[in-house]
Protein backbone atom coordinates (compact mmCIF):
# COMPACT_ATOMS: atom_id res chain seq x y z
CA MET A 1 5.78 -8.68 20.64
CA SER A 2 8.61 -6.95 22.51
CA THR A 3 8.33 -3.42 23.89
CA PRO A 4 9.68 -0.91 21.34
CA PHE A 5 12.84 1.04 22.18
CA SER A 6 12.08 4.71 22.90
CA GLY A 7 14.68 7.44 22.56
CA PRO A 8 17.42 8.62 20.18
CA LEU A 9 18.17 6.08 17.45
CA PRO A 10 20.88 3.69 18.73
CA ASP A 11 24.17 3.52 16.81
CA ASP A 12 23.75 -0.22 16.23
CA VAL A 13 20.78 0.43 13.92
CA ARG A 14 22.53 0.73 10.55
CA ILE A 15 20.96 3.27 8.19
CA GLY A 16 20.95 2.30 4.53
CA GLU A 17 19.70 3.86 1.32
CA LEU A 18 17.09 6.58 1.11
CA VAL A 19 13.85 5.06 -0.18
CA ASN A 20 11.58 8.08 -0.33
CA GLU A 21 11.47 11.76 0.46
CA GLY A 22 7.98 13.17 0.59
CA GLY A 23 4.97 13.93 2.75
CA VAL A 24 5.98 11.47 5.47
CA GLY A 25 9.53 12.84 5.69
CA LEU A 26 12.61 10.74 4.96
CA VAL A 27 12.26 6.98 4.58
CA HIS A 28 15.38 4.80 4.79
CA HIS A 29 16.12 1.11 4.68
CA VAL A 30 17.81 0.15 7.96
CA THR A 31 19.22 -3.01 9.50
CA LEU A 32 18.48 -3.85 13.13
CA PRO A 33 21.23 -5.19 15.43
CA ASP A 34 20.07 -8.80 14.85
CA GLY A 35 20.23 -8.35 11.06
CA THR A 36 16.48 -7.88 10.56
CA PRO A 37 15.63 -5.49 7.70
CA ALA A 38 13.44 -2.57 8.72
CA ILE A 39 12.19 0.83 7.60
CA LEU A 40 13.07 4.15 9.26
CA LYS A 41 10.68 7.09 8.88
CA ARG A 42 12.19 10.31 10.15
CA LEU A 43 10.75 13.80 10.13
CA PRO A 44 13.46 16.42 9.48
CA LYS A 45 13.49 19.42 11.83
CA SER A 46 12.69 21.68 8.88
CA ALA A 47 9.48 19.73 8.26
CA VAL A 48 8.24 19.60 11.85
CA SER A 49 4.89 21.30 12.42
CA LEU A 50 2.15 20.82 14.98
CA GLU A 51 0.16 18.65 12.58
CA SER A 52 3.15 16.53 11.50
CA SER A 53 4.16 16.03 15.13
CA ILE A 54 0.63 14.92 16.03
CA ARG A 55 0.54 12.57 13.05
CA PHE A 56 3.87 10.98 13.98
CA GLU A 57 2.96 10.64 17.64
CA ARG A 58 -0.42 9.15 16.71
CA GLU A 59 1.21 6.58 14.45
CA VAL A 60 3.72 5.61 17.14
CA ALA A 61 1.05 5.40 19.87
CA LEU A 62 -1.20 3.14 17.82
CA MET A 63 1.34 0.94 16.04
CA SER A 64 3.52 0.34 19.10
CA THR A 65 0.57 -1.35 20.83
CA MET A 66 -0.67 -3.43 17.89
CA ASP A 67 0.48 -7.02 17.59
CA LEU A 68 -1.63 -7.96 14.61
CA PRO A 69 -1.04 -9.95 11.43
CA GLY A 70 -0.64 -7.66 8.46
CA VAL A 71 0.58 -4.67 10.52
CA PRO A 72 4.37 -4.08 10.65
CA GLU A 73 5.87 -4.26 14.14
CA VAL A 74 7.39 -1.08 15.60
CA THR A 75 10.87 -1.67 17.05
CA HIS A 76 12.16 1.85 17.80
CA TYR A 77 10.67 5.32 18.03
CA ASN A 78 11.26 8.79 19.39
CA SER A 79 8.48 11.28 20.14
CA ASP A 80 10.88 14.14 20.90
CA PRO A 81 9.94 16.95 18.45
CA SER A 82 13.64 17.59 17.84
CA ASP A 83 14.10 14.09 16.40
CA LEU A 84 10.83 12.43 15.43
CA TYR A 85 11.30 8.95 13.98
CA ILE A 86 9.76 5.50 13.88
CA VAL A 87 11.37 2.18 12.89
CA MET A 88 9.18 -0.68 11.70
CA CYS A 89 9.99 -4.19 10.56
CA HIS A 90 10.14 -4.29 6.77
CA ALA A 91 6.89 -5.36 5.11
CA PRO A 92 7.84 -7.53 2.12
CA GLY A 93 6.16 -7.39 -1.26
CA VAL A 94 5.04 -4.62 -3.59
CA LEU A 95 2.85 -1.60 -3.07
CA PHE A 96 -0.73 -2.11 -4.18
CA GLN A 97 -0.24 0.52 -6.88
CA ASP A 98 2.38 -1.77 -8.46
CA TRP A 99 0.61 -5.07 -7.81
CA GLN A 100 -0.43 -6.74 -11.06
CA LEU A 101 -3.54 -8.83 -11.56
CA PRO A 102 -2.92 -12.19 -13.26
CA GLN A 103 -3.90 -12.53 -16.89
CA GLY A 104 -6.73 -14.75 -18.06
CA ALA A 105 -9.96 -15.95 -16.51
CA VAL A 106 -8.61 -16.05 -12.93
CA TRP A 107 -8.09 -12.30 -12.57
CA ALA A 108 -11.46 -11.58 -10.88
CA ARG A 109 -11.05 -14.41 -8.39
CA SER A 110 -7.52 -13.21 -7.61
CA LEU A 111 -8.84 -9.69 -7.04
CA ALA A 112 -11.55 -10.99 -4.71
CA GLU A 113 -9.13 -13.27 -2.85
CA ILE A 114 -6.65 -10.50 -2.06
CA MET A 115 -9.45 -8.11 -1.21
CA GLN A 116 -10.99 -10.48 1.32
CA ARG A 117 -7.56 -10.99 2.91
CA VAL A 118 -7.13 -7.24 3.29
CA LEU A 119 -10.61 -7.02 4.80
CA ARG A 120 -9.75 -9.68 7.38
CA VAL A 121 -6.61 -7.77 8.41
CA LEU A 122 -8.68 -4.59 8.54
CA HIS A 123 -11.25 -6.36 10.73
CA THR A 124 -8.58 -7.16 13.34
CA VAL A 125 -7.59 -3.49 13.35
CA HIS A 126 -11.21 -2.36 13.67
CA LYS A 127 -11.75 -4.78 16.58
CA GLU A 128 -9.08 -2.81 18.44
CA GLY A 129 -11.26 0.28 17.96
CA ILE A 130 -8.91 1.74 15.33
CA MET A 131 -9.93 3.29 12.00
CA HIS A 132 -7.15 3.69 9.42
CA ARG A 133 -8.76 6.62 7.52
CA ASP A 134 -6.08 6.72 4.81
CA LEU A 135 -6.24 3.50 2.82
CA SER A 136 -4.70 4.11 -0.60
CA PRO A 137 -2.56 2.24 -3.16
CA THR A 138 0.60 3.55 -1.47
CA ASN A 139 -0.46 2.47 2.03
CA LEU A 140 -0.95 -1.22 1.28
CA LYS A 141 1.57 -3.90 0.34
CA ILE A 142 0.98 -7.40 -1.02
CA ASP A 143 3.76 -9.91 -0.34
CA PRO A 144 4.67 -12.89 -2.57
CA ARG A 145 2.37 -15.18 -0.53
CA GLY A 146 -0.58 -12.84 -1.05
CA GLN A 147 -0.38 -11.57 2.54
CA PRO A 148 -1.49 -7.92 2.79
CA TRP A 149 0.33 -5.37 4.93
CA LEU A 150 -1.33 -2.15 6.07
CA LEU A 151 1.03 0.82 6.17
CA ASP A 152 1.04 4.43 7.41
CA PHE A 153 -1.22 4.80 10.41
CA GLY A 154 -0.52 8.54 10.61
CA LEU A 155 -4.21 9.42 10.22
CA ALA A 156 -5.52 6.44 12.16
CA VAL A 157 -7.60 7.12 15.25
CA MET A 158 -9.27 5.32 18.09
CA GLN A 159 -12.98 5.66 17.39
CA ASP A 160 -13.76 7.07 20.85
CA SER A 161 -10.68 9.29 21.22
CA ALA A 162 -10.55 13.08 21.37
CA ASP A 163 -9.87 15.06 18.19
CA LEU A 164 -6.16 15.82 18.49
CA THR A 165 -6.10 18.37 15.67
CA GLY A 166 -9.16 20.35 16.75
CA THR A 167 -10.26 20.73 13.12
CA SER A 168 -13.09 19.32 11.05
CA GLU A 169 -11.37 19.51 7.66
CA ALA A 170 -11.23 16.55 5.29
CA ARG A 171 -8.32 14.21 6.01
CA GLY A 172 -7.08 11.37 3.85
CA THR A 173 -5.99 10.77 0.27
CA PRO A 174 -8.62 12.63 -1.82
CA ARG A 175 -9.11 10.00 -4.55
CA TYR A 176 -9.88 7.37 -1.90
CA MET A 177 -11.94 9.34 0.62
CA SER A 178 -15.44 8.34 1.62
CA PRO A 179 -18.17 10.99 1.25
CA GLU A 180 -18.26 11.49 5.02
CA GLN A 181 -14.50 12.10 5.07
CA ALA A 182 -14.74 14.56 2.18
CA ARG A 183 -17.36 16.49 4.16
CA GLY A 184 -14.91 16.76 7.05
CA GLU A 185 -17.07 14.87 9.52
CA SER A 186 -15.54 14.21 12.94
CA HIS A 187 -13.98 10.79 13.46
CA ARG A 188 -16.46 10.39 16.33
CA ILE A 189 -19.16 10.25 13.65
CA LEU A 190 -17.15 8.15 11.20
CA THR A 191 -17.50 4.37 11.38
CA PRO A 192 -15.15 1.59 10.23
CA SER A 193 -17.23 1.45 7.03
CA THR A 194 -15.33 4.53 5.86
CA ASP A 195 -12.32 2.22 5.44
CA LEU A 196 -14.47 -0.22 3.44
CA TYR A 197 -15.38 2.58 1.05
CA SER A 198 -11.73 3.51 0.49
CA LEU A 199 -10.74 -0.11 -0.02
CA ALA A 200 -13.50 -0.64 -2.58
CA LEU A 201 -12.27 2.38 -4.56
CA MET A 202 -8.76 0.90 -4.59
CA PHE A 203 -9.80 -2.54 -5.81
CA LEU A 204 -12.40 -1.30 -8.29
CA GLY A 205 -9.74 1.02 -9.70
CA LYS A 206 -7.46 -1.99 -10.11
CA ALA A 207 -10.19 -3.79 -12.08
CA MET A 208 -10.68 -0.68 -14.24
CA GLY A 209 -6.99 -0.08 -14.80
CA ARG A 210 -7.26 3.53 -13.54
CA PRO A 211 -8.51 5.41 -10.47
CA VAL A 212 -12.28 5.58 -10.08
CA ARG A 213 -12.19 9.24 -9.05
CA LYS A 214 -11.15 11.93 -11.51
CA GLY A 215 -10.05 15.51 -10.86
CA ASP A 216 -7.18 17.92 -11.42
CA ASN A 217 -6.73 18.87 -7.76
CA SER A 218 -7.74 17.85 -4.25
CA HIS A 219 -10.54 20.42 -3.96
CA GLN A 220 -12.10 19.36 -7.26
CA ILE A 221 -11.93 15.69 -6.29
CA GLN A 222 -13.46 16.32 -2.85
CA GLN A 223 -16.33 18.34 -4.29
CA GLY A 224 -16.97 15.55 -6.78
CA ILE A 225 -17.11 13.01 -3.96
CA ILE A 226 -19.69 15.07 -2.07
CA ARG A 227 -21.90 15.79 -5.08
CA ARG A 228 -21.71 12.56 -7.06
CA ASP A 229 -21.48 8.83 -6.41
CA PRO A 230 -19.39 6.49 -8.56
CA ASP A 231 -21.33 4.83 -11.34
CA ALA A 232 -22.37 1.20 -10.87
CA ALA A 233 -19.33 -1.09 -10.66
CA ALA A 234 -20.58 -3.20 -13.58
CA ARG A 235 -20.63 -0.09 -15.77
CA LEU A 236 -17.22 1.15 -14.65
CA ALA A 237 -15.63 -2.28 -15.12
CA PRO A 238 -17.80 -4.19 -17.66
CA ASN A 239 -15.66 -7.33 -17.37
CA LEU A 240 -16.38 -7.58 -13.63
CA PRO A 241 -18.55 -10.62 -12.75
CA LYS A 242 -22.08 -9.62 -11.72
CA GLY A 243 -21.87 -10.94 -8.15
CA LEU A 244 -18.53 -9.25 -7.50
CA ALA A 245 -19.83 -5.98 -8.94
CA ALA A 246 -22.78 -6.13 -6.53
CA ILE A 247 -20.39 -6.43 -3.58
CA PHE A 248 -18.50 -3.35 -4.77
CA ASP A 249 -21.77 -1.43 -5.06
CA VAL A 250 -22.61 -2.18 -1.42
CA MET A 251 -19.15 -1.11 -0.22
CA LEU A 252 -19.48 2.12 -2.21
CA ALA A 253 -22.91 3.07 -0.88
CA HIS A 254 -23.03 6.80 -0.13
CA HIS A 255 -24.67 6.32 3.27
CA PRO A 256 -22.44 4.38 5.73
CA SER A 257 -25.39 2.37 7.11
CA ASP A 258 -26.04 0.95 3.61
CA ARG A 259 -22.57 -0.64 3.46
CA PHE A 260 -21.54 -3.93 5.07
CA ASP A 261 -21.68 -3.65 8.84
CA SER A 262 -18.06 -4.79 9.23
CA ALA A 263 -14.95 -5.67 7.26
CA LEU A 264 -15.50 -9.30 8.25
CA THR A 265 -19.02 -9.32 6.77
CA ALA A 266 -17.63 -7.93 3.51
CA ALA A 267 -14.87 -10.56 3.51
CA GLU A 268 -17.43 -13.32 4.05
CA ALA A 269 -19.51 -12.01 1.13
CA LEU A 270 -16.44 -12.22 -1.11
CA GLN A 271 -15.67 -15.71 0.19
CA ALA A 272 -19.23 -16.81 -0.57
CA TRP A 273 -18.98 -15.41 -4.10
CA MET A 274 -15.69 -17.24 -4.70
CA SER A 275 -17.28 -20.48 -3.41
CA GLY A 276 -20.26 -20.13 -5.74
CA LYS A 277 -22.68 -19.69 -2.84
CA THR A 278 -25.53 -17.22 -2.53
CA VAL A 279 -24.16 -13.86 -1.43
CA SER A 280 -26.14 -12.11 1.29
CA LEU A 281 -26.12 -8.36 0.66
CA PRO A 282 -27.62 -5.62 2.83
CA SER A 283 -30.65 -3.95 1.26
CA MET A 284 -30.81 -0.21 0.66
CA PRO A 285 -34.05 1.66 1.42
CA LEU A 286 -36.00 2.62 -1.71
CA GLY A 287 -35.65 6.33 -1.02
CA ARG A 288 -31.86 6.14 -0.87
CA ARG A 289 -31.76 3.92 -3.98
CA MET A 290 -33.58 6.68 -5.87
CA VAL A 291 -31.21 9.33 -4.50
CA ARG A 292 -28.24 7.19 -5.47
CA ALA A 293 -29.55 6.85 -9.02
CA CYS A 294 -29.78 10.63 -9.30
CA ARG A 295 -26.25 11.08 -7.90
CA ARG A 296 -24.62 8.76 -10.42
CA PRO A 297 -23.15 10.45 -13.53
CA VAL A 298 -24.63 8.07 -16.10
CA SER A 299 -28.00 7.97 -14.37
CA ARG A 300 -28.07 11.76 -14.20
CA GLY A 301 -27.49 11.84 -17.95
CA LEU A 302 -30.29 9.35 -18.56
CA LEU A 303 -32.66 11.31 -16.33
CA THR A 304 -31.77 14.52 -18.16
CA GLY A 305 -32.37 12.81 -21.49
CA ALA A 306 -35.70 11.49 -20.30
CA PHE A 307 -36.69 14.96 -19.14
CA VAL A 308 -35.80 16.43 -22.55
CA LEU A 309 -37.83 13.74 -24.34
CA LEU A 310 -40.80 14.38 -22.09
CA SER A 311 -40.51 18.10 -22.74
CA PHE A 312 -40.51 17.57 -26.51
CA SER A 313 -43.48 15.23 -26.18
CA ALA A 314 -45.39 17.86 -24.24
CA LEU A 315 -44.62 20.50 -26.86
CA SER A 316 -45.70 18.15 -29.66
CA TRP A 317 -48.95 17.36 -27.84
CA ARG A 318 -49.69 21.05 -27.56
């Protein structure tokens, strides 16, 4: 990996069509001097704020030092607030939100295969001490070979770094936040398992054909995350094989310590399931299993129904 160029964008980097204009600023296709296709993310002066500057600088600082498979290489950047930009080699493929599962009996295996590949890429990132914190269907690409590419490290942090924003508010894409993120817990408290939670929501949503989380706005979604857990994976996606559903349930445990202890462990569980071997899953303490049952929407309904029946029985007995 060569050292990225730092400074104003050189004239020999040819800017092409505008790809997107949104929360990350302006995104253009560009061509590097050697003909390599790349992506330019530039923050217009009108959009520069303290938070956006920090986010851009964080992304540059982390990505410019990572030479990892599945993470686009940074070739040029500028951290001058008057012209914030970053150029990354183009990640081929389609965004996860547009990725289609194959039809027929192989769909579940295909889902598990791609998921375990993403987890292995994520494991290499976590080994560097980095948490992504914003995994979502628009921040992941799958190329024609099935190689995943992690995008947008604007919210990523080193696990032992200082809090650059000085706030404890929830950060991330609301539909894919972990409970601890939704509560606004410091990244010093967060563990890499928060990324596992987000990833499980993405892939379970793909199996369901819609997002797992519902809500009309960010606040409503975040409050739902804090107060309720997703229903069991087998209930949300009835066509999901039992063993695969159990893996999702572990990744979506409310308490981080009840999830897999690493992305690699989760990937190995998926590999074991695909190979027809016994899948080793972490056990959840009985107390937290009972709490989880009460926090699930369907279970809450069943418990309420049971309470009503018991009440009627008591009245009849009297």
